[in-house]
Amino acid sequence: MKTLLKLFIVVGVLAGIAAAAYGPTMKYLEERSKPKWRTQSVAKGRIIQSVNSTGKVEPIRRVSVGASVSGPISELYVDYNSKVKEGQLMAKIDARLYNSSVARDRAVYSTREAEVARATAMLQQALNDERRGGDLKSATQDFISEAEMDQFRFMRMSRDAELLVAKTNVEQAKAQLENSLANLAYTEILAPCDGVVIEKKIDIGQTLAAQFQTPEMFVVAPEMEARMHIYASVDEADIGMIRKAQAEGQVVRFTVDAYPDELFDQGKIVQVRLASTESQNVITYPVIVETPNTDLKLLPGMTANLSFQTNQREDIIKIPNSALRFYPPREQVHPDDRKILDGVDDQKQSVTDSAKMMSADEKADAAKAKSSRYVWISEGKFLRAILVRVGISDNRFTELLEGELEDGQDLVIGEKPKQ
């Protein structure tokens, strides 16, 4: 009997202990099995919306320096990276043939001038003869016949024509001499503008042949120490924002591989060209960005990674982009909010299938509707949805236009892995 009583006492004690431990144990197990959420806080501050692209750094202009005459290069006065001033001598072409042409044409010109002098003298003699004949004819009618007077007259006219021909020959010889002098001057290759020699395509002894096309000798880049251009290609979907940014004078920031830790932040959009390019069904437009280059860090041919600033907001509520991307499992959502999840996949598929059949108005309305989104907060055992309307975005945050969110409020961005 005592043994049975002791057994009942032991069982009672164990039952009491089990009953006392049941509540905390179940609470512990419930807490342990409850999902742990990763969160990120709503912040207040600035958002800069950007369009990213790549481009090629080039000089403002590339001036090609060529030769108008043929011949071997006899002297070379500049090299790669040489700084030149307008009119500076850059190279010389062997001028012996052109010097001889000048000497020949100068001699011809002198000869033609001498012929003018002789023709002038002969014309003067003919004038004198005609005048004397006229005087004798006036004094004595029968002393000189009309036939003799005609000889004097036509001789004077002939000498007059010879003088005209001689003067014309002088003009022709002068033009030929000037042509030879110009060709001689072309043997000296002069810099057409201030700049830097970025390409040199000749060497001493190389023969130039300019009969069919002008050979390119140098390429000079003016204003390289002041500014450079970046030629970027922007997708057609972003070109509207780029043109708006140009009108507002928004800055363009970029980096180059040569200085990966340095941010260049003084670029400005100077031109959005209308000539589009199509590649693999993607339409892009050339956008020209101008940037200072006073320290000559930017060199022709460098690749620039650009961020076109298209919009900016100050002192606004910012939603983490990861919170906007998060979509929870149905069973973890409060029953009142599960209707938000109902049919989402079917709706997405329906929108995708009918997108091509939408009218322009429907597409515009659908684009506006995308600004309404849901974010999720943890409330007890479930997640609750908050409807928000969003504005511009960068790579981390999105502007809050409407919605019951406060600065510092935690939003769910994912589930923590279970330990």
Protein backbone atom coordinates (compact mmCIF):
# COMPACT_ATOMS: atom_id res chain seq x y z
CA MET A 1 0.00 0.00 0.00
CA LYS A 2 2.81 2.37 0.86
CA THR A 3 4.54 1.52 -2.37
CA LEU A 4 1.45 2.37 -4.39
CA LEU A 5 1.06 5.66 -2.54
CA LYS A 6 4.65 6.58 -3.21
CA LEU A 7 4.15 5.77 -6.89
CA PHE A 8 1.13 8.04 -7.07
CA ILE A 9 3.07 10.82 -5.38
CA VAL A 10 5.96 10.49 -7.85
CA VAL A 11 3.59 10.47 -10.83
CA GLY A 12 1.80 13.53 -9.43
CA VAL A 13 5.06 15.39 -8.97
CA LEU A 14 6.18 14.52 -12.51
CA ALA A 15 2.79 15.55 -13.90
CA GLY A 16 3.03 18.86 -12.06
CA ILE A 17 6.51 19.46 -13.40
CA ALA A 18 5.38 18.58 -16.91
CA ALA A 19 2.36 20.86 -16.62
CA ALA A 20 4.51 23.69 -15.33
CA ALA A 21 7.04 23.24 -18.14
CA TYR A 22 4.48 22.80 -20.93
CA GLY A 23 3.68 26.48 -21.36
CA PRO A 24 7.28 27.78 -21.55
CA THR A 25 8.30 24.80 -23.66
CA MET A 26 5.56 25.35 -26.22
CA LYS A 27 6.30 29.05 -26.24
CA TYR A 28 9.99 28.32 -26.83
CA LEU A 29 9.22 25.88 -29.62
CA GLU A 30 6.82 28.35 -31.18
CA GLU A 31 9.38 31.13 -31.02
CA ARG A 32 12.04 28.83 -32.44
CA SER A 33 9.88 27.77 -35.36
CA LYS A 34 8.72 31.32 -36.03
CA PRO A 35 10.39 32.83 -39.16
CA LYS A 36 13.14 35.33 -38.51
CA TRP A 37 12.98 38.24 -40.90
CA ARG A 38 15.76 40.31 -42.36
CA THR A 39 14.80 43.97 -42.29
CA GLN A 40 16.03 47.28 -43.57
CA SER A 41 14.96 50.67 -42.32
CA VAL A 42 13.19 53.43 -44.16
CA ALA A 43 15.55 56.40 -44.40
CA LYS A 44 15.30 60.10 -45.03
CA GLY A 45 17.66 61.90 -47.35
CA ARG A 46 18.54 62.46 -50.99
CA ILE A 47 17.96 60.35 -54.10
CA ILE A 48 19.79 60.91 -57.38
CA GLN A 49 18.28 59.08 -60.34
CA SER A 50 20.81 58.15 -63.02
CA VAL A 51 21.09 56.48 -66.39
CA ASN A 52 24.28 54.49 -66.82
CA SER A 53 26.20 54.05 -70.06
CA THR A 54 29.70 53.68 -71.44
CA GLY A 55 31.45 55.98 -73.86
CA LYS A 56 34.73 56.74 -75.58
CA VAL A 57 36.87 59.76 -74.76
CA GLU A 58 37.82 61.79 -77.84
CA PRO A 59 39.21 65.28 -78.54
CA ILE A 60 36.82 68.12 -79.33
CA ARG A 61 38.17 68.06 -82.89
CA ARG A 62 40.66 65.97 -84.84
CA VAL A 63 42.40 68.11 -87.47
CA SER A 64 44.06 66.08 -90.20
CA VAL A 65 47.25 67.63 -91.61
CA GLY A 66 48.04 66.55 -95.17
CA ALA A 67 50.29 67.44 -98.10
CA SER A 68 49.25 69.10 -101.35
CA VAL A 69 52.50 68.28 -103.19
CA SER A 70 54.47 65.09 -103.72
CA GLY A 71 58.02 64.26 -102.76
CA PRO A 72 60.22 62.71 -100.08
CA ILE A 73 60.17 64.03 -96.50
CA SER A 74 63.44 65.88 -95.90
CA GLU A 75 62.89 67.29 -92.40
CA LEU A 76 60.62 66.40 -89.48
CA TYR A 77 60.22 68.81 -86.57
CA VAL A 78 57.48 67.26 -84.39
CA ASP A 79 56.68 63.87 -82.92
CA TYR A 80 53.88 62.19 -81.00
CA ASN A 81 52.51 64.34 -78.14
CA SER A 82 54.28 67.47 -79.43
CA LYS A 83 52.47 70.70 -78.63
CA VAL A 84 52.23 72.94 -81.68
CA LYS A 85 51.11 76.51 -82.34
CA GLU A 86 49.19 77.65 -85.38
CA GLY A 87 51.60 78.26 -88.26
CA GLN A 88 54.44 76.29 -86.66
CA LEU A 89 56.67 74.34 -89.08
CA MET A 90 56.02 70.63 -88.62
CA ALA A 91 57.83 69.02 -91.58
CA LYS A 92 59.48 69.76 -94.93
CA ILE A 93 59.17 68.05 -98.28
CA ASP A 94 62.25 68.01 -100.55
CA ALA A 95 61.87 71.31 -102.46
CA ARG A 96 64.54 70.97 -105.20
CA LEU A 97 62.07 70.28 -107.99
CA TYR A 98 59.81 73.09 -106.84
CA ASN A 99 62.72 75.55 -106.57
CA SER A 100 63.69 74.76 -110.15
CA SER A 101 60.09 75.26 -111.27
CA VAL A 102 60.04 78.65 -109.59
CA ALA A 103 63.33 79.65 -111.27
CA ARG A 104 62.03 78.50 -114.66
CA ASP A 105 58.71 80.33 -114.32
CA ARG A 106 60.43 83.46 -113.05
CA ALA A 107 62.64 83.47 -116.16
CA VAL A 108 59.59 82.99 -118.37
CA TYR A 109 57.87 85.83 -116.59
CA SER A 110 60.88 88.12 -117.19
CA THR A 111 60.88 87.14 -120.86
CA ARG A 112 57.23 87.97 -121.19
CA GLU A 113 57.78 91.35 -119.59
CA ALA A 114 60.59 92.04 -122.08
CA GLU A 115 58.24 91.14 -124.92
CA VAL A 116 55.78 93.70 -123.59
CA ALA A 117 58.51 96.33 -123.63
CA ARG A 118 59.44 95.43 -127.24
CA ALA A 119 55.80 95.40 -128.33
CA THR A 120 55.32 98.80 -126.68
CA ALA A 121 58.29 100.24 -128.59
CA MET A 122 57.10 98.84 -131.90
CA LEU A 123 53.61 100.21 -131.26
CA GLN A 124 55.11 103.62 -130.55
CA GLN A 125 57.05 103.48 -133.82
CA ALA A 126 53.86 102.58 -135.71
CA LEU A 127 52.02 105.45 -134.03
CA ASN A 128 54.80 107.86 -135.06
CA ASP A 129 54.72 106.61 -138.65
CA GLU A 130 50.96 107.00 -138.81
CA ARG A 131 51.15 110.49 -137.33
CA ARG A 132 53.88 111.64 -139.77
CA GLY A 133 51.94 110.22 -142.70
CA GLY A 134 48.88 112.09 -141.59
CA ASP A 135 50.83 115.33 -141.30
CA LEU A 136 52.26 114.94 -144.83
CA LYS A 137 48.83 114.05 -146.18
CA SER A 138 47.41 117.19 -144.64
CA ALA A 139 50.21 119.36 -146.07
CA THR A 140 50.18 117.92 -149.60
CA GLN A 141 47.27 115.76 -150.69
CA ASP A 142 49.16 114.00 -153.47
CA PHE A 143 52.40 113.35 -151.58
CA ILE A 144 51.10 110.17 -149.84
CA SER A 145 48.46 107.94 -151.34
CA GLU A 146 45.52 106.40 -149.47
CA ALA A 147 47.11 102.97 -149.86
CA GLU A 148 50.19 104.12 -147.99
CA MET A 149 48.02 105.66 -145.28
CA ASP A 150 46.23 102.31 -144.94
CA GLN A 151 49.58 100.59 -144.42
CA PHE A 152 50.46 103.00 -141.61
CA ARG A 153 47.02 102.55 -140.00
CA PHE A 154 46.94 98.75 -140.16
CA MET A 155 50.56 98.50 -138.99
CA ARG A 156 49.62 100.54 -135.93
CA MET A 157 46.62 98.27 -135.30
CA SER A 158 48.82 95.18 -135.67
CA ARG A 159 51.37 96.52 -133.18
CA ASP A 160 48.53 97.34 -130.81
CA ALA A 161 47.30 93.72 -130.98
CA GLU A 162 50.85 92.43 -130.49
CA LEU A 163 51.14 94.51 -127.31
CA LEU A 164 47.84 93.09 -126.05
CA VAL A 165 49.09 89.55 -126.70
CA ALA A 166 52.37 90.33 -124.92
CA LYS A 167 50.52 91.66 -121.87
CA THR A 168 48.30 88.56 -121.82
CA ASN A 169 51.43 86.38 -121.93
CA VAL A 170 52.76 88.30 -118.94
CA GLU A 171 49.57 87.55 -116.98
CA GLN A 172 49.84 83.89 -117.91
CA ALA A 173 53.50 83.73 -116.91
CA LYS A 174 52.68 85.51 -113.64
CA ALA A 175 49.94 82.98 -112.84
CA GLN A 176 52.31 80.11 -113.58
CA LEU A 177 54.96 81.65 -111.37
CA GLU A 178 52.47 82.11 -108.53
CA ASN A 179 51.44 78.46 -108.93
CA SER A 180 55.05 77.36 -108.64
CA LEU A 181 55.59 79.61 -105.62
CA ALA A 182 52.49 78.12 -103.98
CA ASN A 183 53.74 74.58 -104.61
CA LEU A 184 57.08 75.59 -103.14
CA ALA A 185 55.32 76.96 -100.05
CA TYR A 186 53.37 73.71 -99.73
CA THR A 187 56.64 71.86 -99.19
CA GLU A 188 56.60 73.37 -95.70
CA ILE A 189 53.94 71.63 -93.60
CA LEU A 190 52.52 74.11 -91.08
CA ALA A 191 50.29 73.49 -88.07
CA PRO A 192 46.71 74.58 -88.92
CA CYS A 193 45.85 75.34 -85.27
CA ASP A 194 47.12 75.16 -81.70
CA GLY A 195 46.99 71.65 -80.34
CA VAL A 196 48.73 68.38 -79.58
CA VAL A 197 49.99 65.90 -82.17
CA ILE A 198 48.15 62.67 -81.38
CA GLU A 199 49.10 60.82 -84.58
CA LYS A 200 52.22 60.90 -86.76
CA LYS A 201 52.04 58.90 -89.97
CA ILE A 202 55.31 59.82 -91.73
CA ASP A 203 59.06 59.51 -91.24
CA ILE A 204 62.08 61.17 -92.81
CA GLY A 205 62.76 59.73 -96.27
CA GLN A 206 59.19 58.59 -96.84
CA THR A 207 57.85 59.68 -100.22
CA LEU A 208 54.43 61.27 -100.45
CA ALA A 209 52.26 60.87 -103.55
CA ALA A 210 49.59 63.57 -103.67
CA GLN A 211 48.43 63.11 -107.27
CA PHE A 212 45.26 61.13 -106.48
CA GLN A 213 44.46 61.96 -102.86
CA THR A 214 45.90 64.05 -100.09
CA PRO A 215 48.17 61.91 -97.88
CA GLU A 216 47.56 62.29 -94.14
CA MET A 217 50.73 63.20 -92.27
CA PHE A 218 49.61 64.24 -88.78
CA VAL A 219 46.47 64.47 -86.66
CA VAL A 220 46.36 67.47 -84.35
CA ALA A 221 43.89 67.67 -81.45
CA PRO A 222 43.11 71.26 -80.45
CA GLU A 223 41.93 72.26 -76.96
CA MET A 224 42.91 68.93 -75.38
CA GLU A 225 44.26 70.75 -72.33
CA ALA A 226 40.95 72.54 -71.87
CA ARG A 227 38.19 70.03 -72.60
CA MET A 228 37.35 66.67 -74.13
CA HIS A 229 34.26 64.97 -75.51
CA ILE A 230 32.84 61.59 -74.51
CA TYR A 231 30.80 59.80 -77.16
CA ALA A 232 28.22 57.60 -75.42
CA SER A 233 25.37 55.42 -76.72
CA VAL A 234 22.11 55.57 -74.76
CA ASP A 235 19.17 53.18 -75.12
CA GLU A 236 16.01 54.62 -76.65
CA ALA A 237 14.08 53.86 -73.43
CA ASP A 238 16.28 56.35 -71.56
CA ILE A 239 16.73 59.04 -74.19
CA GLY A 240 13.71 61.00 -72.97
CA MET A 241 15.26 61.35 -69.51
CA ILE A 242 18.61 62.28 -71.09
CA ARG A 243 17.04 65.12 -73.08
CA LYS A 244 15.25 66.35 -69.95
CA ALA A 245 18.54 66.24 -68.05
CA GLN A 246 20.20 68.23 -70.84
CA ALA A 247 17.47 70.89 -70.69
CA GLU A 248 17.87 71.15 -66.89
CA GLY A 249 21.67 71.28 -67.05
CA GLN A 250 22.14 68.15 -64.93
CA VAL A 251 25.74 67.06 -64.35
CA VAL A 252 27.28 63.86 -65.70
CA ARG A 253 29.61 61.84 -63.51
CA PHE A 254 31.99 59.20 -64.83
CA THR A 255 35.08 57.15 -64.14
CA VAL A 256 37.81 55.80 -66.39
CA ASP A 257 39.78 52.58 -66.00
CA ALA A 258 43.07 54.50 -65.79
CA TYR A 259 41.93 56.18 -62.54
CA PRO A 260 39.35 53.79 -61.03
CA ASP A 261 39.28 55.57 -57.66
CA GLU A 262 38.73 59.05 -59.10
CA LEU A 263 35.29 60.45 -59.87
CA PHE A 264 35.02 63.01 -62.65
CA ASP A 265 31.92 65.07 -61.86
CA GLN A 266 31.95 68.10 -64.15
CA GLY A 267 30.56 66.61 -67.35
CA LYS A 268 27.65 68.20 -69.17
CA ILE A 269 25.48 66.99 -72.03
CA VAL A 270 26.15 69.14 -75.10
CA GLN A 271 24.33 67.16 -77.78
CA VAL A 272 21.82 64.35 -78.24
CA ARG A 273 22.20 63.34 -81.87
CA LEU A 274 19.22 62.23 -83.94
CA ALA A 275 21.10 59.57 -85.92
CA SER A 276 20.08 56.31 -84.26
CA THR A 277 21.96 53.00 -84.42
CA GLU A 278 20.33 49.57 -84.40
CA SER A 279 22.19 46.53 -83.10
CA GLN A 280 20.41 43.23 -82.41
CA ASN A 281 17.04 45.02 -82.38
CA VAL A 282 18.27 47.53 -79.80
CA ILE A 283 18.05 51.20 -80.78
CA THR A 284 20.59 53.61 -79.30
CA TYR A 285 21.32 57.30 -79.80
CA PRO A 286 24.69 59.08 -79.62
CA VAL A 287 25.01 61.43 -76.66
CA ILE A 288 27.97 63.82 -76.50
CA VAL A 289 29.30 64.82 -73.09
CA GLU A 290 31.83 67.61 -72.59
CA THR A 291 34.21 67.57 -69.63
CA PRO A 292 37.20 69.69 -68.49
CA ASN A 293 40.67 68.20 -68.96
CA THR A 294 43.00 70.80 -67.49
CA ASP A 295 45.34 68.17 -66.00
CA LEU A 296 45.38 66.04 -69.20
CA LYS A 297 44.29 62.90 -67.37
CA LEU A 298 41.75 62.08 -70.05
CA LEU A 299 43.40 60.75 -73.19
CA PRO A 300 41.89 59.91 -76.59
CA GLY A 301 40.42 56.42 -76.75
CA MET A 302 39.81 55.92 -73.01
CA THR A 303 36.61 54.13 -71.99
CA ALA A 304 34.39 56.14 -69.66
CA ASN A 305 31.69 54.66 -67.41
CA LEU A 306 29.06 57.39 -67.23
CA SER A 307 26.16 58.11 -64.93
CA PHE A 308 23.77 60.67 -66.39
CA GLN A 309 22.02 62.41 -63.50
CA THR A 310 18.41 62.71 -64.69
CA ASN A 311 16.61 63.67 -61.48
CA GLN A 312 17.26 64.56 -57.86
CA ARG A 313 15.15 64.78 -54.71
CA GLU A 314 16.26 66.26 -51.38
CA ASP A 315 15.05 65.48 -47.84
CA ILE A 316 12.55 62.75 -48.78
CA ILE A 317 11.49 59.40 -47.33
CA LYS A 318 13.41 56.61 -49.09
CA ILE A 319 12.25 52.99 -49.34
CA PRO A 320 14.94 50.29 -49.70
CA ASN A 321 14.68 48.70 -53.13
CA SER A 322 15.10 45.28 -51.57
CA ALA A 323 11.86 45.85 -49.62
CA LEU A 324 10.00 46.61 -52.85
CA ARG A 325 11.35 43.43 -54.44
CA PHE A 326 10.33 41.18 -51.53
CA TYR A 327 7.16 39.08 -51.92
CA PRO A 328 6.34 36.73 -48.98
CA PRO A 329 4.89 33.18 -49.01
CA ARG A 330 1.13 33.12 -48.61
CA GLU A 331 1.11 31.19 -45.31
CA GLN A 332 3.27 33.85 -43.64
CA VAL A 333 0.92 36.69 -44.50
CA HIS A 334 -1.90 37.89 -42.25
CA PRO A 335 -5.27 36.46 -43.44
CA ASP A 336 -6.60 39.95 -44.13
CA ASP A 337 -3.76 40.62 -46.59
CA ARG A 338 -3.68 37.28 -48.38
CA LYS A 339 -6.07 38.59 -51.01
CA ILE A 340 -3.15 40.73 -52.22
CA LEU A 341 -1.33 37.54 -53.12
CA ASP A 342 -4.29 35.76 -54.72
CA GLY A 343 -3.90 35.37 -58.44
CA VAL A 344 -0.67 37.36 -58.64
CA ASP A 345 1.09 34.82 -60.83
CA ASP A 346 -1.91 34.47 -63.12
CA GLN A 347 -2.21 38.22 -63.33
CA LYS A 348 1.47 38.61 -64.24
CA GLN A 349 1.13 35.99 -66.96
CA SER A 350 -2.02 37.67 -68.27
CA VAL A 351 -0.30 41.05 -68.40
CA THR A 352 2.68 39.53 -70.23
CA ASP A 353 0.47 37.76 -72.76
CA SER A 354 -1.65 40.83 -73.48
CA ALA A 355 1.10 43.47 -73.45
CA LYS A 356 1.48 43.33 -77.21
CA MET A 357 -2.27 43.80 -77.69
CA MET A 358 -2.56 46.87 -75.44
CA SER A 359 -3.42 50.21 -76.95
CA ALA A 360 -1.14 53.19 -76.38
CA ASP A 361 -3.50 54.54 -73.70
CA GLU A 362 -3.59 51.19 -71.92
CA LYS A 363 0.19 50.93 -71.96
CA ALA A 364 0.49 54.44 -70.51
CA ASP A 365 -2.02 53.60 -67.76
CA ALA A 366 -0.21 50.34 -67.02
CA ALA A 367 3.07 52.22 -66.70
CA LYS A 368 1.47 54.64 -64.22
CA ALA A 369 0.00 51.74 -62.24
CA LYS A 370 3.49 50.35 -61.67
CA SER A 371 4.12 53.20 -59.25
CA SER A 372 1.76 51.54 -56.73
CA ARG A 373 3.56 48.83 -54.76
CA TYR A 374 3.38 46.90 -51.47
CA VAL A 375 5.95 46.68 -48.72
CA TRP A 376 5.77 44.32 -45.75
CA ILE A 377 6.22 44.74 -42.01
CA SER A 378 6.38 42.11 -39.27
CA GLU A 379 3.37 42.16 -36.93
CA GLY A 380 3.16 39.28 -34.47
CA LYS A 381 3.22 35.92 -36.21
CA PHE A 382 2.37 37.33 -39.64
CA LEU A 383 3.41 39.93 -42.13
CA ARG A 384 1.19 42.90 -42.95
CA ALA A 385 1.15 44.81 -46.23
CA ILE A 386 1.42 48.57 -46.63
CA LEU A 387 0.41 50.14 -49.95
CA VAL A 388 2.80 52.82 -51.18
CA ARG A 389 3.19 54.93 -54.30
CA VAL A 390 6.77 55.40 -55.40
CA GLY A 391 8.67 57.92 -57.49
CA ILE A 392 12.25 58.10 -58.74
CA SER A 393 14.83 55.49 -57.80
CA ASP A 394 18.55 54.88 -57.64
CA ASN A 395 20.37 51.59 -57.20
CA ARG A 396 19.56 51.39 -53.45
CA PHE A 397 16.45 53.43 -52.62
CA THR A 398 13.16 54.58 -54.13
CA GLU A 399 11.28 57.78 -53.36
CA LEU A 400 8.08 57.47 -51.31
CA LEU A 401 5.29 59.62 -52.74
CA GLU A 402 2.34 58.25 -50.77
CA GLY A 403 2.04 55.69 -47.97
CA GLU A 404 2.04 55.32 -44.20
CA LEU A 405 5.74 54.91 -43.61
CA GLU A 406 7.97 56.79 -41.21
CA ASP A 407 11.67 57.49 -41.06
CA GLY A 408 13.46 54.59 -39.36
CA GLN A 409 10.62 52.09 -39.79
CA ASP A 410 11.81 48.52 -40.46
CA LEU A 411 10.62 46.80 -43.63
CA VAL A 412 10.97 43.10 -44.34
CA ILE A 413 13.42 42.30 -47.13
CA GLY A 414 13.74 38.51 -46.69
CA GLU A 415 13.82 35.58 -44.31
CA LYS A 416 16.86 34.73 -42.23
CA PRO A 417 18.23 31.21 -42.71
CA LYS A 418 17.29 28.88 -39.91
CA GLN A 419 20.05 27.87 -37.52
